[in-house]
C-alpha cells in the first residue's frame, strides 16, 4: 500500500469520494486545491461520510495548486508514494475557443506527471473519460467499445471537452513512453458519473438530472449516455493503487446505456408525486434548439447514437461490481431536491 498519496483537484465531485475512500483505507493524503485555505470547509463537508473523521483529519493535509501554473507542483509531489490526478476542467457549456478547455487539461496533466517524475513517484492513477474512448459516438450499432478503442482528436465533429480528455490522456501515456518508462500508470475512463455529491458542490454531470427535474425541456432529445455510479468510479481509483495488474492499463468505467427518456422514466417511477417530461423531440427540433442552448449544443454530436461499452476489464482487474445506474440517478435527484436545487 502506498503510504502518502497526492490527490489533485480534491474538491471535485469524483475526487471527494476518492478522498473519503483513501482516508478510510488508512492512507495519508496530500490533497490539492486552488486555494488550500478552503481545505477545512471541504473536510467538514466530507466528514459525515468518514468512518473515523477525527483520526482521518490527522492524515490529511491541503496544499494550493493550479493546473495552469508551475508553482507548487514539486512541493505537492515531494515525498509522495503515489499520485491520483483527477484535476481537469469540466464546463457546463463549451467555450468559444476550444483551447480554453484543452490547454489546462493537457498542460495540467503534463505538469502533474512531470512533477511525479522529478519526485520519483512511480505509481500514478489518472482520471480520464469514456470520451477518450468513444469520441462523440462515432460507432453506433457496432460491437461494444473497449479500452483498445481511442477517440481520434483530429475529427472535427468532436466537442472541445472530448478533445481535451483525449489529448490529456494521450499526453500521459506519451510521458510514460518518452520521459519516464518506469512510471506505473493506470487511467480510469468513466462514463457519465452519477450519484449523491459529498457536500454542496455538485458535479457538472448533475446538470442533466437538474434539467429533467425542472422539466426545462418540453421534449427530450434522443440522446443517451453510458452511466456509472460515482462510488464505483472512486473505488476503481483506490483499488488500482494496490492492484499491480492494473499498471499500464486503461480501465473503462461505464455500465448501462440509458437514453434521456430512460432517465426520465426512472424518475417518474421513483418520484410518483412529481411530473416529468418523457416525450422525445424530433432530431430536427433539437438541432434548432442547440443554436440557442449551449448545454444542448455540447452533446449534439451524440444525437440518435446508441454506443455500448464493455466494462469487463474493471470487473476482472479491479473486482468492481457495478451499481445499478438507476439507483445512482435516484441518489443524484434526491440530493438535488434536498439542497433545493430542483
C-alpha atoms as a PDB file:
ATOM      1  CA  UNK A   1       0.000   0.000   0.000  1.00  0.00           C
ATOM      2  CA  UNK A   2       1.245   3.486  -0.863  1.00  0.00           C
ATOM      3  CA  UNK A   3       1.588   5.486   2.346  1.00  0.00           C
ATOM      4  CA  UNK A   4       1.285   9.074   1.114  1.00  0.00           C
ATOM      5  CA  UNK A   5      -0.969   9.817  -1.855  1.00  0.00           C
ATOM      6  CA  UNK A   6      -1.146  13.209  -3.556  1.00  0.00           C
ATOM      7  CA  UNK A   7      -4.704  13.778  -4.786  1.00  0.00           C
ATOM      8  CA  UNK A   8      -5.193  16.655  -7.212  1.00  0.00           C
ATOM      9  CA  UNK A   9      -8.454  18.538  -7.643  1.00  0.00           C
ATOM     10  CA  UNK A  10      -9.696  17.300  -4.282  1.00  0.00           C
ATOM     11  CA  UNK A  11     -12.843  19.447  -4.268  1.00  0.00           C
ATOM     12  CA  UNK A  12     -14.211  17.769  -7.410  1.00  0.00           C
ATOM     13  CA  UNK A  13     -17.323  15.583  -7.490  1.00  0.00           C
ATOM     14  CA  UNK A  14     -15.400  12.338  -8.032  1.00  0.00           C
ATOM     15  CA  UNK A  15     -12.330  13.410  -6.059  1.00  0.00           C
ATOM     16  CA  UNK A  16     -14.303  13.905  -2.836  1.00  0.00           C
ATOM     17  CA  UNK A  17     -15.432  10.288  -2.985  1.00  0.00           C
ATOM     18  CA  UNK A  18     -11.853   9.191  -3.707  1.00  0.00           C
ATOM     19  CA  UNK A  19     -10.625  11.226  -0.749  1.00  0.00           C
ATOM     20  CA  UNK A  20     -13.073   9.524   1.612  1.00  0.00           C
ATOM     21  CA  UNK A  21     -12.025   6.072   0.413  1.00  0.00           C
ATOM     22  CA  UNK A  22      -8.333   6.879   0.692  1.00  0.00           C
ATOM     23  CA  UNK A  23      -8.714   8.137   4.253  1.00  0.00           C
ATOM     24  CA  UNK A  24     -10.942   5.242   5.290  1.00  0.00           C
ATOM     25  CA  UNK A  25      -8.349   2.933   3.717  1.00  0.00           C
ATOM     26  CA  UNK A  26      -5.634   4.212   6.025  1.00  0.00           C
ATOM     27  CA  UNK A  27      -3.699   6.327   3.520  1.00  0.00           C
ATOM     28  CA  UNK A  28      -2.076   9.656   4.287  1.00  0.00           C
ATOM     29  CA  UNK A  29      -3.340  12.170   1.748  1.00  0.00           C
ATOM     30  CA  UNK A  30      -1.955  15.434   0.439  1.00  0.00           C
ATOM     31  CA  UNK A  31      -4.993  16.993  -1.226  1.00  0.00           C
ATOM     32  CA  UNK A  32      -4.572  19.851  -3.673  1.00  0.00           C
ATOM     33  CA  UNK A  33      -6.959  22.764  -4.096  1.00  0.00           C
ATOM     34  CA  UNK A  34      -6.691  26.025  -5.945  1.00  0.00           C
ATOM     35  CA  UNK A  35      -6.906  27.660  -2.518  1.00  0.00           C
ATOM     36  CA  UNK A  36      -5.714  25.476   0.343  1.00  0.00           C
ATOM     37  CA  UNK A  37      -7.434  27.748   2.895  1.00  0.00           C
ATOM     38  CA  UNK A  38     -10.698  26.130   1.793  1.00  0.00           C
ATOM     39  CA  UNK A  39      -9.478  22.752   2.983  1.00  0.00           C
ATOM     40  CA  UNK A  40     -11.175  22.868   6.365  1.00  0.00           C
ATOM     41  CA  UNK A  41     -14.519  23.644   4.735  1.00  0.00           C
ATOM     42  CA  UNK A  42     -14.058  20.739   2.341  1.00  0.00           C
ATOM     43  CA  UNK A  43     -13.208  18.395   5.206  1.00  0.00           C
ATOM     44  CA  UNK A  44     -16.320  19.481   7.088  1.00  0.00           C
ATOM     45  CA  UNK A  45     -18.400  18.512   4.050  1.00  0.00           C
ATOM     46  CA  UNK A  46     -16.897  15.052   3.643  1.00  0.00           C
ATOM     47  CA  UNK A  47     -16.504  14.201   7.337  1.00  0.00           C
ATOM     48  CA  UNK A  48     -20.035  12.741   7.746  1.00  0.00           C
ATOM     49  CA  UNK A  49     -19.022  10.093   5.198  1.00  0.00           C
ATOM     50  CA  UNK A  50     -15.812   9.131   7.017  1.00  0.00           C
ATOM     51  CA  UNK A  51     -15.745   6.185   9.411  1.00  0.00           C
ATOM     52  CA  UNK A  52     -13.394   7.986  11.850  1.00  0.00           C
ATOM     53  CA  UNK A  53     -13.187  11.679  10.908  1.00  0.00           C
ATOM     54  CA  UNK A  54     -11.027  12.860  13.811  1.00  0.00           C
ATOM     55  CA  UNK A  55      -8.390  10.246  13.134  1.00  0.00           C
ATOM     56  CA  UNK A  56      -8.602  10.787   9.364  1.00  0.00           C
ATOM     57  CA  UNK A  57      -8.004  14.534   9.736  1.00  0.00           C
ATOM     58  CA  UNK A  58      -4.562  13.787  11.223  1.00  0.00           C
ATOM     59  CA  UNK A  59      -3.574  12.027   7.979  1.00  0.00           C
ATOM     60  CA  UNK A  60      -4.774  14.809   5.676  1.00  0.00           C
ATOM     61  CA  UNK A  61      -3.052  17.980   4.521  1.00  0.00           C
ATOM     62  CA  UNK A  62      -4.087  20.551   1.943  1.00  0.00           C
ATOM     63  CA  UNK A  63      -1.830  22.426  -0.491  1.00  0.00           C
ATOM     64  CA  UNK A  64      -2.539  25.062  -3.134  1.00  0.00           C
ATOM     65  CA  UNK A  65      -2.093  24.091  -6.775  1.00  0.00           C
ATOM     66  CA  UNK A  66      -3.273  25.347 -10.161  1.00  0.00           C
ATOM     67  CA  UNK A  67      -3.367  23.408 -13.433  1.00  0.00           C
ATOM     68  CA  UNK A  68      -2.138  26.429 -15.365  1.00  0.00           C
ATOM     69  CA  UNK A  69       0.925  27.423 -13.339  1.00  0.00           C
ATOM     70  CA  UNK A  70       4.147  25.634 -12.400  1.00  0.00           C
ATOM     71  CA  UNK A  71       4.083  26.913  -8.825  1.00  0.00           C
ATOM     72  CA  UNK A  72       3.787  24.309  -6.107  1.00  0.00           C
ATOM     73  CA  UNK A  73       3.842  21.117  -8.178  1.00  0.00           C
ATOM     74  CA  UNK A  74       7.224  19.872  -6.997  1.00  0.00           C
ATOM     75  CA  UNK A  75       6.321  20.523  -3.367  1.00  0.00           C
ATOM     76  CA  UNK A  76       2.972  18.775  -3.792  1.00  0.00           C
ATOM     77  CA  UNK A  77       4.648  15.586  -5.044  1.00  0.00           C
ATOM     78  CA  UNK A  78       7.701  15.633  -2.778  1.00  0.00           C
ATOM     79  CA  UNK A  79       7.774  12.536  -0.596  1.00  0.00           C
ATOM     80  CA  UNK A  80       4.634  11.049  -2.126  1.00  0.00           C
ATOM     81  CA  UNK A  81       4.352   7.361  -2.867  1.00  0.00           C
ATOM     82  CA  UNK A  82       1.559   7.764  -5.438  1.00  0.00           C
ATOM     83  CA  UNK A  83      -0.320  10.386  -7.420  1.00  0.00           C
ATOM     84  CA  UNK A  84      -4.043  10.319  -8.137  1.00  0.00           C
ATOM     85  CA  UNK A  85      -4.602  13.047 -10.707  1.00  0.00           C
ATOM     86  CA  UNK A  86      -8.269  13.998 -11.054  1.00  0.00           C
ATOM     87  CA  UNK A  87      -7.991  17.726 -11.688  1.00  0.00           C
ATOM     88  CA  UNK A  88      -9.343  18.725 -15.106  1.00  0.00           C
ATOM     89  CA  UNK A  89     -11.805  21.351 -16.328  1.00  0.00           C
ATOM     90  CA  UNK A  90     -15.399  20.203 -16.973  1.00  0.00           C
ATOM     91  CA  UNK A  91     -17.568  23.173 -18.018  1.00  0.00           C
ATOM     92  CA  UNK A  92     -21.363  23.212 -18.271  1.00  0.00           C
ATOM     93  CA  UNK A  93     -21.073  24.884 -21.670  1.00  0.00           C
ATOM     94  CA  UNK A  94     -18.338  24.614 -24.263  1.00  0.00           C
ATOM     95  CA  UNK A  95     -16.086  27.677 -24.578  1.00  0.00           C
ATOM     96  CA  UNK A  96     -15.926  29.715 -27.760  1.00  0.00           C
ATOM     97  CA  UNK A  97     -12.223  28.949 -28.034  1.00  0.00           C
ATOM     98  CA  UNK A  98     -11.662  25.209 -27.537  1.00  0.00           C
ATOM     99  CA  UNK A  99      -8.106  25.862 -26.370  1.00  0.00           C
ATOM    100  CA  UNK A 100      -9.518  27.459 -23.209  1.00  0.00           C
ATOM    101  CA  UNK A 101     -10.529  23.923 -22.263  1.00  0.00           C
ATOM    102  CA  UNK A 102      -7.839  21.871 -23.977  1.00  0.00           C
ATOM    103  CA  UNK A 103      -4.841  23.841 -22.717  1.00  0.00           C
ATOM    104  CA  UNK A 104      -5.407  23.445 -18.946  1.00  0.00           C
ATOM    105  CA  UNK A 105      -6.384  19.777 -19.338  1.00  0.00           C
ATOM    106  CA  UNK A 106      -3.300  18.827 -21.336  1.00  0.00           C
ATOM    107  CA  UNK A 107      -0.800  21.148 -19.679  1.00  0.00           C
ATOM    108  CA  UNK A 108      -2.137  20.225 -16.236  1.00  0.00           C
ATOM    109  CA  UNK A 109      -1.560  16.532 -16.956  1.00  0.00           C
ATOM    110  CA  UNK A 110       1.950  17.239 -18.176  1.00  0.00           C
ATOM    111  CA  UNK A 111       2.704  19.286 -15.066  1.00  0.00           C
ATOM    112  CA  UNK A 112       1.360  16.586 -12.775  1.00  0.00           C
ATOM    113  CA  UNK A 113       3.269  13.720 -14.356  1.00  0.00           C
ATOM    114  CA  UNK A 114       6.406  15.822 -14.802  1.00  0.00           C
ATOM    115  CA  UNK A 115       6.383  16.672 -11.106  1.00  0.00           C
ATOM    116  CA  UNK A 116       5.804  12.995 -10.272  1.00  0.00           C
ATOM    117  CA  UNK A 117       8.840  12.025 -12.326  1.00  0.00           C
ATOM    118  CA  UNK A 118      11.037  14.652 -10.682  1.00  0.00           C
ATOM    119  CA  UNK A 119       9.878  13.498  -7.239  1.00  0.00           C
ATOM    120  CA  UNK A 120      10.492   9.849  -8.060  1.00  0.00           C
ATOM    121  CA  UNK A 121       6.805   8.952  -7.752  1.00  0.00           C
ATOM    122  CA  UNK A 122       6.276   5.693  -9.624  1.00  0.00           C
ATOM    123  CA  UNK A 123       2.575   4.940  -9.154  1.00  0.00           C
ATOM    124  CA  UNK A 124       0.082   7.203 -10.930  1.00  0.00           C
ATOM    125  CA  UNK A 125      -3.670   6.821 -11.376  1.00  0.00           C
ATOM    126  CA  UNK A 126      -5.199   9.373 -13.728  1.00  0.00           C
ATOM    127  CA  UNK A 127      -8.863  10.235 -14.226  1.00  0.00           C
ATOM    128  CA  UNK A 128      -9.595  10.242 -17.938  1.00  0.00           C
ATOM    129  CA  UNK A 129     -13.026   9.751 -19.521  1.00  0.00           C
ATOM    130  CA  UNK A 130     -15.041   7.480 -21.753  1.00  0.00           C
ATOM    131  CA  UNK A 131     -14.785  10.458 -24.122  1.00  0.00           C
ATOM    132  CA  UNK A 132     -11.213   9.392 -24.906  1.00  0.00           C
ATOM    133  CA  UNK A 133     -12.542   6.005 -25.999  1.00  0.00           C
ATOM    134  CA  UNK A 134     -15.821   6.681 -27.754  1.00  0.00           C
ATOM    135  CA  UNK A 135     -15.398  10.193 -29.083  1.00  0.00           C
ATOM    136  CA  UNK A 136     -18.882  11.589 -29.559  1.00  0.00           C
ATOM    137  CA  UNK A 137     -20.487   8.345 -30.616  1.00  0.00           C
ATOM    138  CA  UNK A 138     -18.816   7.547 -33.914  1.00  0.00           C
ATOM    139  CA  UNK A 139     -19.570   3.815 -33.785  1.00  0.00           C
ATOM    140  CA  UNK A 140     -23.285   3.373 -33.114  1.00  0.00           C
ATOM    141  CA  UNK A 141     -24.657  -0.110 -33.621  1.00  0.00           C
ATOM    142  CA  UNK A 142     -21.258  -1.811 -33.703  1.00  0.00           C
ATOM    143  CA  UNK A 143     -19.602  -4.060 -31.141  1.00  0.00           C
ATOM    144  CA  UNK A 144     -19.233  -2.576 -27.638  1.00  0.00           C
ATOM    145  CA  UNK A 145     -16.315  -0.214 -27.202  1.00  0.00           C
ATOM    146  CA  UNK A 146     -13.373  -1.363 -25.101  1.00  0.00           C
ATOM    147  CA  UNK A 147     -10.125   0.100 -23.771  1.00  0.00           C
ATOM    148  CA  UNK A 148      -8.493  -0.734 -27.095  1.00  0.00           C
ATOM    149  CA  UNK A 149     -10.526   1.997 -28.778  1.00  0.00           C
ATOM    150  CA  UNK A 150      -9.280   5.561 -28.971  1.00  0.00           C
ATOM    151  CA  UNK A 151     -11.003   8.760 -29.994  1.00  0.00           C
ATOM    152  CA  UNK A 152      -9.411  10.492 -32.969  1.00  0.00           C
ATOM    153  CA  UNK A 153      -8.747  14.042 -31.704  1.00  0.00           C
ATOM    154  CA  UNK A 154      -8.431  15.290 -35.289  1.00  0.00           C
ATOM    155  CA  UNK A 155     -12.090  14.612 -36.076  1.00  0.00           C
ATOM    156  CA  UNK A 156     -13.725  17.984 -36.493  1.00  0.00           C
ATOM    157  CA  UNK A 157     -17.075  16.678 -35.223  1.00  0.00           C
ATOM    158  CA  UNK A 158     -15.918  16.018 -31.662  1.00  0.00           C
ATOM    159  CA  UNK A 159     -16.518  18.515 -28.875  1.00  0.00           C
ATOM    160  CA  UNK A 160     -13.844  20.565 -27.147  1.00  0.00           C
ATOM    161  CA  UNK A 161     -14.384  18.541 -23.963  1.00  0.00           C
ATOM    162  CA  UNK A 162     -13.910  15.236 -25.787  1.00  0.00           C
ATOM    163  CA  UNK A 163     -10.770  16.540 -27.445  1.00  0.00           C
ATOM    164  CA  UNK A 164      -9.399  17.837 -24.129  1.00  0.00           C
ATOM    165  CA  UNK A 165      -9.846  14.495 -22.356  1.00  0.00           C
ATOM    166  CA  UNK A 166      -8.404  12.542 -25.274  1.00  0.00           C
ATOM    167  CA  UNK A 167      -5.341  14.720 -25.682  1.00  0.00           C
ATOM    168  CA  UNK A 168      -4.748  14.825 -21.917  1.00  0.00           C
ATOM    169  CA  UNK A 169      -4.772  11.029 -21.646  1.00  0.00           C
ATOM    170  CA  UNK A 170      -2.576  10.710 -24.737  1.00  0.00           C
ATOM    171  CA  UNK A 171      -0.139  13.148 -23.131  1.00  0.00           C
ATOM    172  CA  UNK A 172       0.001  10.934 -20.034  1.00  0.00           C
ATOM    173  CA  UNK A 173       0.804   7.764 -21.960  1.00  0.00           C
ATOM    174  CA  UNK A 174       3.310   9.674 -24.089  1.00  0.00           C
ATOM    175  CA  UNK A 175       5.053  10.873 -20.907  1.00  0.00           C
ATOM    176  CA  UNK A 176       5.484   7.267 -19.775  1.00  0.00           C
ATOM    177  CA  UNK A 177       6.734   6.211 -23.190  1.00  0.00           C
ATOM    178  CA  UNK A 178       9.185   9.018 -23.804  1.00  0.00           C
ATOM    179  CA  UNK A 179      10.113  10.570 -20.445  1.00  0.00           C
ATOM    180  CA  UNK A 180       9.608   8.025 -17.663  1.00  0.00           C
ATOM    181  CA  UNK A 181       9.247   4.363 -18.715  1.00  0.00           C
ATOM    182  CA  UNK A 182       9.457   3.310 -15.066  1.00  0.00           C
ATOM    183  CA  UNK A 183       6.255   5.167 -14.219  1.00  0.00           C
ATOM    184  CA  UNK A 184       3.388   2.790 -13.358  1.00  0.00           C
ATOM    185  CA  UNK A 185       0.361   4.482 -14.926  1.00  0.00           C
ATOM    186  CA  UNK A 186      -3.288   3.459 -14.851  1.00  0.00           C
ATOM    187  CA  UNK A 187      -6.016   5.564 -16.428  1.00  0.00           C
ATOM    188  CA  UNK A 188      -9.649   5.370 -15.311  1.00  0.00           C
ATOM    189  CA  UNK A 189     -12.171   6.224 -18.044  1.00  0.00           C
ATOM    190  CA  UNK A 190     -15.635   6.805 -16.547  1.00  0.00           C
ATOM    191  CA  UNK A 191     -18.859   7.392 -18.425  1.00  0.00           C
ATOM    192  CA  UNK A 192     -21.495   9.837 -17.176  1.00  0.00           C
ATOM    193  CA  UNK A 193     -20.892   9.818 -13.420  1.00  0.00           C
ATOM    194  CA  UNK A 194     -23.986   9.873 -11.238  1.00  0.00           C
ATOM    195  CA  UNK A 195     -24.730   9.690  -7.521  1.00  0.00           C
ATOM    196  CA  UNK A 196     -25.047  11.841  -4.445  1.00  0.00           C
ATOM    197  CA  UNK A 197     -22.431  14.577  -4.032  1.00  0.00           C
ATOM    198  CA  UNK A 198     -20.468  14.899  -0.804  1.00  0.00           C
ATOM    199  CA  UNK A 199     -21.266  18.438   0.244  1.00  0.00           C
ATOM    200  CA  UNK A 200     -22.865  21.340  -1.531  1.00  0.00           C
ATOM    201  CA  UNK A 201     -20.681  21.241  -4.634  1.00  0.00           C
ATOM    202  CA  UNK A 202     -22.323  19.157  -7.362  1.00  0.00           C
ATOM    203  CA  UNK A 203     -20.698  17.694 -10.447  1.00  0.00           C
ATOM    204  CA  UNK A 204     -21.320  19.080 -13.913  1.00  0.00           C
ATOM    205  CA  UNK A 205     -22.897  15.756 -14.873  1.00  0.00           C
ATOM    206  CA  UNK A 206     -25.719  16.537 -12.442  1.00  0.00           C
ATOM    207  CA  UNK A 207     -26.865  19.252 -14.814  1.00  0.00           C
ATOM    208  CA  UNK A 208     -28.704  16.589 -16.822  1.00  0.00           C
ATOM    209  CA  UNK A 209     -30.609  15.426 -13.737  1.00  0.00           C
ATOM    210  CA  UNK A 210     -31.404  19.020 -12.858  1.00  0.00           C
ATOM    211  CA  UNK A 211     -32.825  19.703 -16.330  1.00  0.00           C
ATOM    212  CA  UNK A 212     -35.103  16.662 -16.119  1.00  0.00           C
ATOM    213  CA  UNK A 213     -36.269  17.501 -12.593  1.00  0.00           C
ATOM    214  CA  UNK A 214     -37.046  21.073 -13.576  1.00  0.00           C
ATOM    215  CA  UNK A 215     -38.786  19.975 -16.783  1.00  0.00           C
ATOM    216  CA  UNK A 216     -36.675  22.568 -18.532  1.00  0.00           C
ATOM    217  CA  UNK A 217     -37.176  20.901 -21.916  1.00  0.00           C
ATOM    218  CA  UNK A 218     -40.722  20.470 -23.289  1.00  0.00           C
ATOM    219  CA  UNK A 219     -39.444  17.338 -25.023  1.00  0.00           C
ATOM    220  CA  UNK A 220     -36.332  15.210 -24.537  1.00  0.00           C
ATOM    221  CA  UNK A 221     -33.564  14.927 -27.081  1.00  0.00           C
ATOM    222  CA  UNK A 222     -32.913  11.452 -28.498  1.00  0.00           C
ATOM    223  CA  UNK A 223     -29.592  11.323 -26.699  1.00  0.00           C
ATOM    224  CA  UNK A 224     -28.183   8.725 -24.362  1.00  0.00           C
ATOM    225  CA  UNK A 225     -25.042   8.023 -22.388  1.00  0.00           C
ATOM    226  CA  UNK A 226     -23.345   5.172 -20.528  1.00  0.00           C
ATOM    227  CA  UNK A 227     -23.734   5.799 -16.815  1.00  0.00           C
ATOM    228  CA  UNK A 228     -21.673   4.775 -13.790  1.00  0.00           C
ATOM    229  CA  UNK A 229     -22.015   5.357 -10.059  1.00  0.00           C
ATOM    230  CA  UNK A 230     -19.625   7.886  -8.519  1.00  0.00           C
ATOM    231  CA  UNK A 231     -18.810   5.438  -5.723  1.00  0.00           C
ATOM    232  CA  UNK A 232     -17.789   2.775  -8.242  1.00  0.00           C
ATOM    233  CA  UNK A 233     -15.521   5.264 -10.006  1.00  0.00           C
ATOM    234  CA  UNK A 234     -13.890   6.334  -6.740  1.00  0.00           C
ATOM    235  CA  UNK A 235     -13.424   2.716  -5.707  1.00  0.00           C
ATOM    236  CA  UNK A 236     -11.726   1.950  -9.017  1.00  0.00           C
ATOM    237  CA  UNK A 237      -9.137   4.681  -8.412  1.00  0.00           C
ATOM    238  CA  UNK A 238      -8.306   3.445  -4.932  1.00  0.00           C
ATOM    239  CA  UNK A 239      -8.225  -0.252  -5.839  1.00  0.00           C
ATOM    240  CA  UNK A 240      -5.918   0.472  -8.757  1.00  0.00           C
ATOM    241  CA  UNK A 241      -3.287   1.751  -6.327  1.00  0.00           C
ATOM    242  CA  UNK A 242      -2.899  -1.701  -4.788  1.00  0.00           C
ATOM    243  CA  UNK A 243      -3.562  -3.846  -7.859  1.00  0.00           C
ATOM    244  CA  UNK A 244      -0.328  -4.230  -9.867  1.00  0.00           C
ATOM    245  CA  UNK A 245      -2.246  -5.993 -12.628  1.00  0.00           C
ATOM    246  CA  UNK A 246      -3.832  -2.625 -13.469  1.00  0.00           C
ATOM    247  CA  UNK A 247      -0.453  -0.995 -14.203  1.00  0.00           C
ATOM    248  CA  UNK A 248      -0.117   0.069 -17.825  1.00  0.00           C
ATOM    249  CA  UNK A 249      -3.849  -0.322 -18.396  1.00  0.00           C
ATOM    250  CA  UNK A 250      -6.768   1.873 -19.327  1.00  0.00           C
ATOM    251  CA  UNK A 251      -9.886   0.890 -17.383  1.00  0.00           C
ATOM    252  CA  UNK A 252     -13.308   1.710 -18.758  1.00  0.00           C
ATOM    253  CA  UNK A 253     -15.851   2.545 -16.060  1.00  0.00           C
ATOM    254  CA  UNK A 254     -19.211   2.719 -17.808  1.00  0.00           C
ATOM    255  CA  UNK A 255     -22.166   0.460 -17.116  1.00  0.00           C
ATOM    256  CA  UNK A 256     -25.664   0.667 -18.638  1.00  0.00           C
ATOM    257  CA  UNK A 257     -26.512   2.907 -21.581  1.00  0.00           C
ATOM    258  CA  UNK A 258     -29.621   4.992 -20.917  1.00  0.00           C
ATOM    259  CA  UNK A 259     -31.455   7.373 -23.220  1.00  0.00           C
ATOM    260  CA  UNK A 260     -32.635  10.635 -21.664  1.00  0.00           C
ATOM    261  CA  UNK A 261     -36.135   9.191 -21.861  1.00  0.00           C
ATOM    262  CA  UNK A 262     -34.977   6.164 -19.837  1.00  0.00           C
ATOM    263  CA  UNK A 263     -33.671   8.549 -17.199  1.00  0.00           C
ATOM    264  CA  UNK A 264     -36.955  10.471 -17.108  1.00  0.00           C
ATOM    265  CA  UNK A 265     -38.936   7.239 -16.877  1.00  0.00           C
ATOM    266  CA  UNK A 266     -36.723   6.178 -13.955  1.00  0.00           C
ATOM    267  CA  UNK A 267     -37.544   9.404 -12.134  1.00  0.00           C
ATOM    268  CA  UNK A 268     -41.225   9.045 -12.973  1.00  0.00           C
ATOM    269  CA  UNK A 269     -41.279   5.597 -11.359  1.00  0.00           C
ATOM    270  CA  UNK A 270     -39.284   6.604  -8.286  1.00  0.00           C
ATOM    271  CA  UNK A 271     -40.836  10.020  -7.685  1.00  0.00           C
ATOM    272  CA  UNK A 272     -44.525   9.372  -8.409  1.00  0.00           C
ATOM    273  CA  UNK A 273     -45.506  12.616  -6.697  1.00  0.00           C
ATOM    274  CA  UNK A 274     -43.737  14.662  -9.390  1.00  0.00           C
ATOM    275  CA  UNK A 275     -44.399  15.190 -13.056  1.00  0.00           C
ATOM    276  CA  UNK A 276     -41.787  14.546 -15.712  1.00  0.00           C
ATOM    277  CA  UNK A 277     -41.430  15.116 -19.424  1.00  0.00           C
ATOM    278  CA  UNK A 278     -40.986  11.805 -21.247  1.00  0.00           C
ATOM    279  CA  UNK A 279     -41.909  12.772 -24.803  1.00  0.00           C
ATOM    280  CA  UNK A 280     -38.996  12.585 -27.254  1.00  0.00           C
ATOM    281  CA  UNK A 281     -38.294  15.514 -29.577  1.00  0.00           C
ATOM    282  CA  UNK A 282     -37.626  15.001 -33.280  1.00  0.00           C
ATOM    283  CA  UNK A 283     -33.953  15.368 -34.150  1.00  0.00           C
ATOM    284  CA  UNK A 284     -34.506  18.408 -36.393  1.00  0.00           C
ATOM    285  CA  UNK A 285     -36.019  20.339 -33.492  1.00  0.00           C
ATOM    286  CA  UNK A 286     -33.096  19.515 -31.185  1.00  0.00           C
ATOM    287  CA  UNK A 287     -30.675  20.845 -33.788  1.00  0.00           C
ATOM    288  CA  UNK A 288     -32.560  24.127 -33.855  1.00  0.00           C
ATOM    289  CA  UNK A 289     -32.655  24.403 -30.046  1.00  0.00           C
ATOM    290  CA  UNK A 290     -28.919  23.741 -29.885  1.00  0.00           C
ATOM    291  CA  UNK A 291     -28.337  27.081 -31.606  1.00  0.00           C
ATOM    292  CA  UNK A 292     -29.667  28.823 -28.503  1.00  0.00           C
ATOM    293  CA  UNK A 293     -28.681  26.441 -25.682  1.00  0.00           C
ATOM    294  CA  UNK A 294     -25.016  25.725 -25.070  1.00  0.00           C
ATOM    295  CA  UNK A 295     -25.731  22.661 -22.953  1.00  0.00           C
ATOM    296  CA  UNK A 296     -27.691  21.030 -25.782  1.00  0.00           C
ATOM    297  CA  UNK A 297     -25.083  22.128 -28.321  1.00  0.00           C
ATOM    298  CA  UNK A 298     -22.328  20.405 -26.320  1.00  0.00           C
ATOM    299  CA  UNK A 299     -23.983  16.981 -26.619  1.00  0.00           C
ATOM    300  CA  UNK A 300     -25.462  17.418 -30.100  1.00  0.00           C
ATOM    301  CA  UNK A 301     -22.906  15.026 -31.697  1.00  0.00           C
ATOM    302  CA  UNK A 302     -24.481  12.223 -29.638  1.00  0.00           C
ATOM    303  CA  UNK A 303     -27.936  12.755 -31.120  1.00  0.00           C
ATOM    304  CA  UNK A 304     -29.572   9.441 -32.006  1.00  0.00           C
ATOM    305  CA  UNK A 305     -26.435   7.369 -31.332  1.00  0.00           C
ATOM    306  CA  UNK A 306     -26.549   4.356 -29.040  1.00  0.00           C
ATOM    307  CA  UNK A 307     -22.988   3.455 -28.085  1.00  0.00           C
ATOM    308  CA  UNK A 308     -22.424   0.436 -25.856  1.00  0.00           C
ATOM    309  CA  UNK A 309     -19.325  -0.125 -23.748  1.00  0.00           C
ATOM    310  CA  UNK A 310     -17.700  -3.242 -22.295  1.00  0.00           C
ATOM    311  CA  UNK A 311     -16.685  -2.929 -18.598  1.00  0.00           C
ATOM    312  CA  UNK A 312     -15.140  -6.412 -18.378  1.00  0.00           C
ATOM    313  CA  UNK A 313     -11.667  -5.137 -17.502  1.00  0.00           C
ATOM    314  CA  UNK A 314     -12.972  -3.181 -14.498  1.00  0.00           C
ATOM    315  CA  UNK A 315     -14.666  -6.308 -13.212  1.00  0.00           C
ATOM    316  CA  UNK A 316     -11.723  -8.625 -13.819  1.00  0.00           C
ATOM    317  CA  UNK A 317      -8.781  -6.418 -12.770  1.00  0.00           C
ATOM    318  CA  UNK A 318     -10.389  -4.361 -10.013  1.00  0.00           C
ATOM    319  CA  UNK A 319     -13.258  -6.573  -8.903  1.00  0.00           C
ATOM    320  CA  UNK A 320     -15.820  -3.832  -9.466  1.00  0.00           C
ATOM    321  CA  UNK A 321     -19.441  -4.913  -9.045  1.00  0.00           C
ATOM    322  CA  UNK A 322     -21.289  -2.113 -10.761  1.00  0.00           C
ATOM    323  CA  UNK A 323     -24.196  -0.462  -9.014  1.00  0.00           C
ATOM    324  CA  UNK A 324     -27.445  -0.068 -10.943  1.00  0.00           C
ATOM    325  CA  UNK A 325     -27.154   3.396 -12.530  1.00  0.00           C
ATOM    326  CA  UNK A 326     -30.883   3.923 -11.965  1.00  0.00           C
ATOM    327  CA  UNK A 327     -30.159   3.872  -8.243  1.00  0.00           C
ATOM    328  CA  UNK A 328     -27.356   6.372  -8.839  1.00  0.00           C
ATOM    329  CA  UNK A 329     -29.771   8.617 -10.739  1.00  0.00           C
ATOM    330  CA  UNK A 330     -32.206   8.453  -7.836  1.00  0.00           C
ATOM    331  CA  UNK A 331     -29.431   9.339  -5.372  1.00  0.00           C
ATOM    332  CA  UNK A 332     -28.464  12.317  -7.515  1.00  0.00           C
ATOM    333  CA  UNK A 333     -32.048  13.517  -7.781  1.00  0.00           C
ATOM    334  CA  UNK A 334     -32.727  13.158  -4.048  1.00  0.00           C
ATOM    335  CA  UNK A 335     -29.554  15.120  -3.290  1.00  0.00           C
ATOM    336  CA  UNK A 336     -30.610  17.963  -5.587  1.00  0.00           C
ATOM    337  CA  UNK A 337     -34.076  18.008  -4.063  1.00  0.00           C
ATOM    338  CA  UNK A 338     -32.618  18.031  -0.550  1.00  0.00           C
ATOM    339  CA  UNK A 339     -30.397  21.002  -1.446  1.00  0.00           C
ATOM    340  CA  UNK A 340     -33.283  22.864  -3.069  1.00  0.00           C
ATOM    341  CA  UNK A 341     -31.610  22.713  -6.488  1.00  0.00           C
ATOM    342  CA  UNK A 342     -34.506  21.012  -8.244  1.00  0.00           C
END
